[in-house]
Protein backbone atom coordinates (compact mmCIF):
# COMPACT_ATOMS: atom_id res chain seq x y z
CA MET A 1 0.00 0.00 0.00
CA ALA A 2 2.91 2.36 0.72
CA LEU A 3 4.32 1.60 -2.72
CA LEU A 4 1.01 2.56 -4.29
CA ALA A 5 0.94 5.82 -2.31
CA ALA A 6 4.45 6.62 -3.58
CA LEU A 7 3.76 5.74 -7.22
CA VAL A 8 0.43 7.49 -7.77
CA PRO A 9 1.81 11.08 -7.63
CA VAL A 10 4.71 10.15 -9.91
CA VAL A 11 2.37 8.58 -12.45
CA MET A 12 0.01 11.56 -12.31
CA LEU A 13 2.92 13.97 -12.89
CA ALA A 14 4.04 11.91 -15.88
CA VAL A 15 0.51 12.05 -17.33
CA VAL A 16 0.27 15.82 -16.90
CA LEU A 17 3.66 16.36 -18.54
CA ALA A 18 2.80 14.05 -21.42
CA LEU A 19 -0.50 15.86 -22.00
CA SER A 20 1.20 19.26 -21.99
CA HIS A 21 3.68 18.09 -24.64
CA TYR A 22 0.80 16.70 -26.68
CA GLU A 23 -1.07 20.00 -26.38
CA ASP A 24 2.00 21.99 -27.49
CA ALA A 25 2.43 19.75 -30.52
CA LEU A 26 -1.26 19.91 -31.34
CA LEU A 27 -1.65 23.69 -31.04
CA THR A 28 1.66 24.79 -32.57
CA THR A 29 1.22 26.39 -35.97
CA PRO A 30 3.70 28.22 -38.20
CA ASP A 31 2.12 31.49 -36.96
CA THR A 32 2.93 30.75 -33.30
CA GLU A 33 6.45 29.38 -33.72
CA GLY A 34 9.36 31.47 -32.41
CA GLY A 35 10.23 35.11 -32.86
CA PRO A 36 8.59 38.24 -31.58
CA THR A 37 5.40 39.50 -33.13
CA PRO A 38 5.04 43.07 -34.37
CA ALA A 39 2.88 43.84 -31.33
CA THR A 40 5.72 42.89 -28.97
CA LEU A 41 8.50 44.73 -30.79
CA PRO A 42 9.58 48.03 -29.24
CA THR A 43 8.95 51.18 -31.21
CA ALA A 44 11.67 53.68 -32.13
CA GLY A 45 12.70 55.60 -29.03
CA GLY A 46 9.98 53.96 -26.98
CA ARG A 47 7.34 56.29 -28.43
CA GLU A 48 4.14 55.39 -30.12
CA PRO A 49 4.31 55.49 -33.93
CA ALA A 50 2.88 58.61 -35.56
CA ALA A 51 -0.52 58.19 -37.15
């Protein structure tokens, strides 16, 4: 019974990690891979661009 109590959290952690890797692989698209987006790039001099 003590062995079961020690193994259950380890198995649950492994399942959560496996599901997170699966979710990353499933939801990753060429649009979301790497690099900053234009919205996250700083503007010149830290000012807002002129309209």
